[in-house]
Amino acid sequence: MTEPIRSPYDRALSGLSTARLHELWSELALRPVLARHVHHTGTDAADLFAELAVGTRLASEITAGRWCVVAELLQAGTVESWAQIGTALDVSETEARDGFHNWISGQLGLRGRTGTLGLTTEDADELYQLSEGVAW
């Protein structure tokens, strides 16, 4: 790395694929282990900050599409309960439902700002109605 990575949004990470982010995170996670157990040196703080930042970015990339998947499941009529979604997301049923509703709101806001990206009002209304039809 030519410049230290301190944030998940550092320029050094922009444009990297999820696979490359995973590869970079794996390399960074291994460095402290090698430093302690093979080279018998101290860990490099820059590597530790980079590992945190890259791990955070990777987690964000991996989870970014989860609400789109929930929308597809709702549209397919395959969701029995918010507890079912919560289990799949490892959150409570309330967090799953609220998270989905927040995503819809965010998508409406995105549509309002861009005019093309995000959900239309009609799509959002449909998803709200489908989500309200799911059992607690």
C-alpha atoms as a PDB file:
ATOM      1  CA  MET A   1       0.000   0.000   0.000  1.00  0.00           C
ATOM      2  CA  THR A   2       1.328   3.422  -0.872  1.00  0.00           C
ATOM      3  CA  GLU A   3      -0.852   5.438   1.503  1.00  0.00           C
ATOM      4  CA  PRO A   4      -2.249   4.349   4.856  1.00  0.00           C
ATOM      5  CA  ILE A   5      -5.883   3.269   4.862  1.00  0.00           C
ATOM      6  CA  ARG A   6      -7.734   4.821   7.783  1.00  0.00           C
ATOM      7  CA  SER A   7     -11.359   4.821   6.621  1.00  0.00           C
ATOM      8  CA  PRO A   8     -13.665   2.442   4.729  1.00  0.00           C
ATOM      9  CA  TYR A   9     -14.091   5.268   2.210  1.00  0.00           C
ATOM     10  CA  ASP A  10     -10.408   5.933   1.535  1.00  0.00           C
ATOM     11  CA  ARG A  11      -9.526   6.516  -2.095  1.00  0.00           C
ATOM     12  CA  ALA A  12      -7.266   3.440  -2.060  1.00  0.00           C
ATOM     13  CA  LEU A  13     -10.376   1.251  -1.717  1.00  0.00           C
ATOM     14  CA  SER A  14     -12.575   2.881  -4.338  1.00  0.00           C
ATOM     15  CA  GLY A  15     -13.331   0.694  -7.304  1.00  0.00           C
ATOM     16  CA  LEU A  16     -12.090  -2.531  -5.686  1.00  0.00           C
ATOM     17  CA  SER A  17     -14.308  -5.554  -6.229  1.00  0.00           C
ATOM     18  CA  THR A  18     -15.713  -7.434  -3.255  1.00  0.00           C
ATOM     19  CA  ALA A  19     -13.341 -10.292  -4.084  1.00  0.00           C
ATOM     20  CA  ARG A  20     -10.341  -7.952  -4.040  1.00  0.00           C
ATOM     21  CA  LEU A  21     -11.523  -6.354  -0.783  1.00  0.00           C
ATOM     22  CA  HIS A  22     -11.722  -9.827   0.760  1.00  0.00           C
ATOM     23  CA  GLU A  23      -8.255 -10.652  -0.510  1.00  0.00           C
ATOM     24  CA  LEU A  24      -6.853  -7.401   0.894  1.00  0.00           C
ATOM     25  CA  TRP A  25      -8.604  -7.919   4.235  1.00  0.00           C
ATOM     26  CA  SER A  26      -7.182 -11.456   4.459  1.00  0.00           C
ATOM     27  CA  GLU A  27      -3.674 -10.143   3.789  1.00  0.00           C
ATOM     28  CA  LEU A  28      -4.063  -7.414   6.389  1.00  0.00           C
ATOM     29  CA  ALA A  29      -5.492  -9.797   8.989  1.00  0.00           C
ATOM     30  CA  LEU A  30      -2.538 -12.132   8.537  1.00  0.00           C
ATOM     31  CA  ARG A  31       0.143  -9.460   8.996  1.00  0.00           C
ATOM     32  CA  PRO A  32      -0.192  -9.067  12.798  1.00  0.00           C
ATOM     33  CA  VAL A  33      -0.184 -12.837  13.248  1.00  0.00           C
ATOM     34  CA  LEU A  34       2.991 -13.176  11.211  1.00  0.00           C
ATOM     35  CA  ALA A  35       4.582 -10.225  13.008  1.00  0.00           C
ATOM     36  CA  ARG A  36       3.937 -11.755  16.437  1.00  0.00           C
ATOM     37  CA  HIS A  37       4.502 -15.441  15.790  1.00  0.00           C
ATOM     38  CA  VAL A  38       6.939 -15.654  12.883  1.00  0.00           C
ATOM     39  CA  HIS A  39       8.943 -12.461  12.850  1.00  0.00           C
ATOM     40  CA  HIS A  40       8.637 -11.817  16.620  1.00  0.00           C
ATOM     41  CA  THR A  41       8.092  -8.113  16.069  1.00  0.00           C
ATOM     42  CA  GLY A  42       5.381  -5.725  17.129  1.00  0.00           C
ATOM     43  CA  THR A  43       2.276  -5.170  15.093  1.00  0.00           C
ATOM     44  CA  ASP A  44       2.072  -2.182  12.784  1.00  0.00           C
ATOM     45  CA  ALA A  45      -0.709   0.228  13.799  1.00  0.00           C
ATOM     46  CA  ALA A  46      -1.212   1.228  10.151  1.00  0.00           C
ATOM     47  CA  ASP A  47      -1.954  -2.417   9.296  1.00  0.00           C
ATOM     48  CA  LEU A  48      -4.421  -2.677  12.169  1.00  0.00           C
ATOM     49  CA  PHE A  49      -6.247   0.518  11.134  1.00  0.00           C
ATOM     50  CA  ALA A  50      -6.278  -0.705   7.536  1.00  0.00           C
ATOM     51  CA  GLU A  51      -7.660  -4.090   8.616  1.00  0.00           C
ATOM     52  CA  LEU A  52     -10.507  -2.349  10.474  1.00  0.00           C
ATOM     53  CA  ALA A  53     -11.284  -0.027   7.573  1.00  0.00           C
ATOM     54  CA  VAL A  54     -11.131  -2.713   4.889  1.00  0.00           C
ATOM     55  CA  GLY A  55     -13.181  -5.121   7.047  1.00  0.00           C
ATOM     56  CA  THR A  56     -15.832  -2.449   7.535  1.00  0.00           C
ATOM     57  CA  ARG A  57     -15.939  -1.687   3.813  1.00  0.00           C
ATOM     58  CA  LEU A  58     -16.141  -5.402   2.986  1.00  0.00           C
ATOM     59  CA  ALA A  59     -19.002  -5.923   5.444  1.00  0.00           C
ATOM     60  CA  SER A  60     -20.829  -2.976   3.917  1.00  0.00           C
ATOM     61  CA  GLU A  61     -20.347  -4.324   0.377  1.00  0.00           C
ATOM     62  CA  ILE A  62     -21.569  -7.765   1.393  1.00  0.00           C
ATOM     63  CA  THR A  63     -24.687  -6.521   3.169  1.00  0.00           C
ATOM     64  CA  ALA A  64     -25.647  -3.767   0.725  1.00  0.00           C
ATOM     65  CA  GLY A  65     -28.066  -5.908  -1.263  1.00  0.00           C
ATOM     66  CA  ARG A  66     -29.874  -7.602   1.595  1.00  0.00           C
ATOM     67  CA  TRP A  67     -32.956  -5.366   1.475  1.00  0.00           C
ATOM     68  CA  CYS A  68     -33.295  -5.925  -2.274  1.00  0.00           C
ATOM     69  CA  VAL A  69     -33.441  -9.637  -1.506  1.00  0.00           C
ATOM     70  CA  VAL A  70     -36.097  -9.045   1.163  1.00  0.00           C
ATOM     71  CA  ALA A  71     -38.112  -7.059  -1.411  1.00  0.00           C
ATOM     72  CA  GLU A  72     -37.853  -9.941  -3.883  1.00  0.00           C
ATOM     73  CA  LEU A  73     -38.939 -12.446  -1.234  1.00  0.00           C
ATOM     74  CA  LEU A  74     -41.939 -10.275  -0.368  1.00  0.00           C
ATOM     75  CA  GLN A  75     -42.888  -9.853  -4.023  1.00  0.00           C
ATOM     76  CA  ALA A  76     -42.647 -13.617  -4.534  1.00  0.00           C
ATOM     77  CA  GLY A  77     -44.966 -14.168  -1.560  1.00  0.00           C
ATOM     78  CA  THR A  78     -42.485 -16.417   0.203  1.00  0.00           C
ATOM     79  CA  VAL A  79     -42.121 -14.529   3.498  1.00  0.00           C
ATOM     80  CA  GLU A  80     -44.124 -16.066   6.326  1.00  0.00           C
ATOM     81  CA  SER A  81     -43.035 -13.741   9.145  1.00  0.00           C
ATOM     82  CA  TRP A  82     -40.644 -10.954  10.105  1.00  0.00           C
ATOM     83  CA  ALA A  83     -39.112 -13.436  12.531  1.00  0.00           C
ATOM     84  CA  GLN A  84     -38.151 -15.546   9.490  1.00  0.00           C
ATOM     85  CA  ILE A  85     -36.415 -12.542   7.895  1.00  0.00           C
ATOM     86  CA  GLY A  86     -34.855 -11.580  11.226  1.00  0.00           C
ATOM     87  CA  THR A  87     -33.410 -15.062  11.622  1.00  0.00           C
ATOM     88  CA  ALA A  88     -31.856 -14.902   8.161  1.00  0.00           C
ATOM     89  CA  LEU A  89     -30.369 -11.464   8.933  1.00  0.00           C
ATOM     90  CA  ASP A  90     -29.443 -12.336  12.546  1.00  0.00           C
ATOM     91  CA  VAL A  91     -31.556  -9.483  13.926  1.00  0.00           C
ATOM     92  CA  SER A  92     -34.878  -9.284  15.781  1.00  0.00           C
ATOM     93  CA  GLU A  93     -38.109  -9.288  13.815  1.00  0.00           C
ATOM     94  CA  THR A  94     -38.623  -5.629  14.752  1.00  0.00           C
ATOM     95  CA  GLU A  95     -35.130  -4.717  13.498  1.00  0.00           C
ATOM     96  CA  ALA A  96     -35.812  -6.607  10.257  1.00  0.00           C
ATOM     97  CA  ARG A  97     -39.099  -4.841   9.613  1.00  0.00           C
ATOM     98  CA  ASP A  98     -37.814  -1.409  10.655  1.00  0.00           C
ATOM     99  CA  GLY A  99     -34.630  -1.897   8.632  1.00  0.00           C
ATOM    100  CA  PHE A 100     -36.655  -2.776   5.563  1.00  0.00           C
ATOM    101  CA  HIS A 101     -38.931   0.239   6.014  1.00  0.00           C
ATOM    102  CA  ASN A 102     -35.882   2.485   6.465  1.00  0.00           C
ATOM    103  CA  TRP A 103     -34.436   1.053   3.245  1.00  0.00           C
ATOM    104  CA  ILE A 104     -37.665   1.854   1.396  1.00  0.00           C
ATOM    105  CA  SER A 105     -37.557   5.427   2.721  1.00  0.00           C
ATOM    106  CA  GLY A 106     -33.932   5.736   1.679  1.00  0.00           C
ATOM    107  CA  GLN A 107     -34.740   4.445  -1.786  1.00  0.00           C
ATOM    108  CA  LEU A 108     -37.526   7.008  -2.128  1.00  0.00           C
ATOM    109  CA  GLY A 109     -35.106   9.720  -1.067  1.00  0.00           C
ATOM    110  CA  LEU A 110     -32.566   8.495  -3.611  1.00  0.00           C
ATOM    111  CA  ARG A 111     -35.231   8.637  -6.321  1.00  0.00           C
ATOM    112  CA  GLY A 112     -36.100  12.163  -5.283  1.00  0.00           C
ATOM    113  CA  ARG A 113     -32.466  13.268  -5.519  1.00  0.00           C
ATOM    114  CA  THR A 114     -31.530  11.481  -8.748  1.00  0.00           C
ATOM    115  CA  GLY A 115     -34.813  11.166 -10.599  1.00  0.00           C
ATOM    116  CA  THR A 116     -33.836   7.702 -11.849  1.00  0.00           C
ATOM    117  CA  LEU A 117     -32.200   5.629  -9.097  1.00  0.00           C
ATOM    118  CA  GLY A 118     -34.182   4.187  -6.210  1.00  0.00           C
ATOM    119  CA  LEU A 119     -37.798   3.170  -5.840  1.00  0.00           C
ATOM    120  CA  THR A 120     -40.736   4.931  -7.417  1.00  0.00           C
ATOM    121  CA  THR A 121     -43.601   5.929  -5.139  1.00  0.00           C
ATOM    122  CA  GLU A 122     -45.690   3.119  -6.624  1.00  0.00           C
ATOM    123  CA  ASP A 123     -42.973   0.507  -5.990  1.00  0.00           C
ATOM    124  CA  ALA A 124     -42.488   1.793  -2.448  1.00  0.00           C
ATOM    125  CA  ASP A 125     -46.236   1.681  -1.746  1.00  0.00           C
ATOM    126  CA  GLU A 126     -46.371  -1.903  -3.031  1.00  0.00           C
ATOM    127  CA  LEU A 127     -43.473  -2.948  -0.801  1.00  0.00           C
ATOM    128  CA  TYR A 128     -44.965  -1.206   2.249  1.00  0.00           C
ATOM    129  CA  GLN A 129     -48.254  -3.032   1.666  1.00  0.00           C
ATOM    130  CA  LEU A 130     -46.521  -6.365   1.186  1.00  0.00           C
ATOM    131  CA  SER A 131     -44.475  -5.810   4.338  1.00  0.00           C
ATOM    132  CA  GLU A 132     -47.601  -4.975   6.339  1.00  0.00           C
ATOM    133  CA  GLY A 133     -49.133  -8.269   5.239  1.00  0.00           C
ATOM    134  CA  VAL A 134     -46.327 -10.274   6.836  1.00  0.00           C
ATOM    135  CA  ALA A 135     -47.038 -11.805  10.232  1.00  0.00           C
ATOM    136  CA  TRP A 136     -45.167 -10.832  13.369  1.00  0.00           C
END
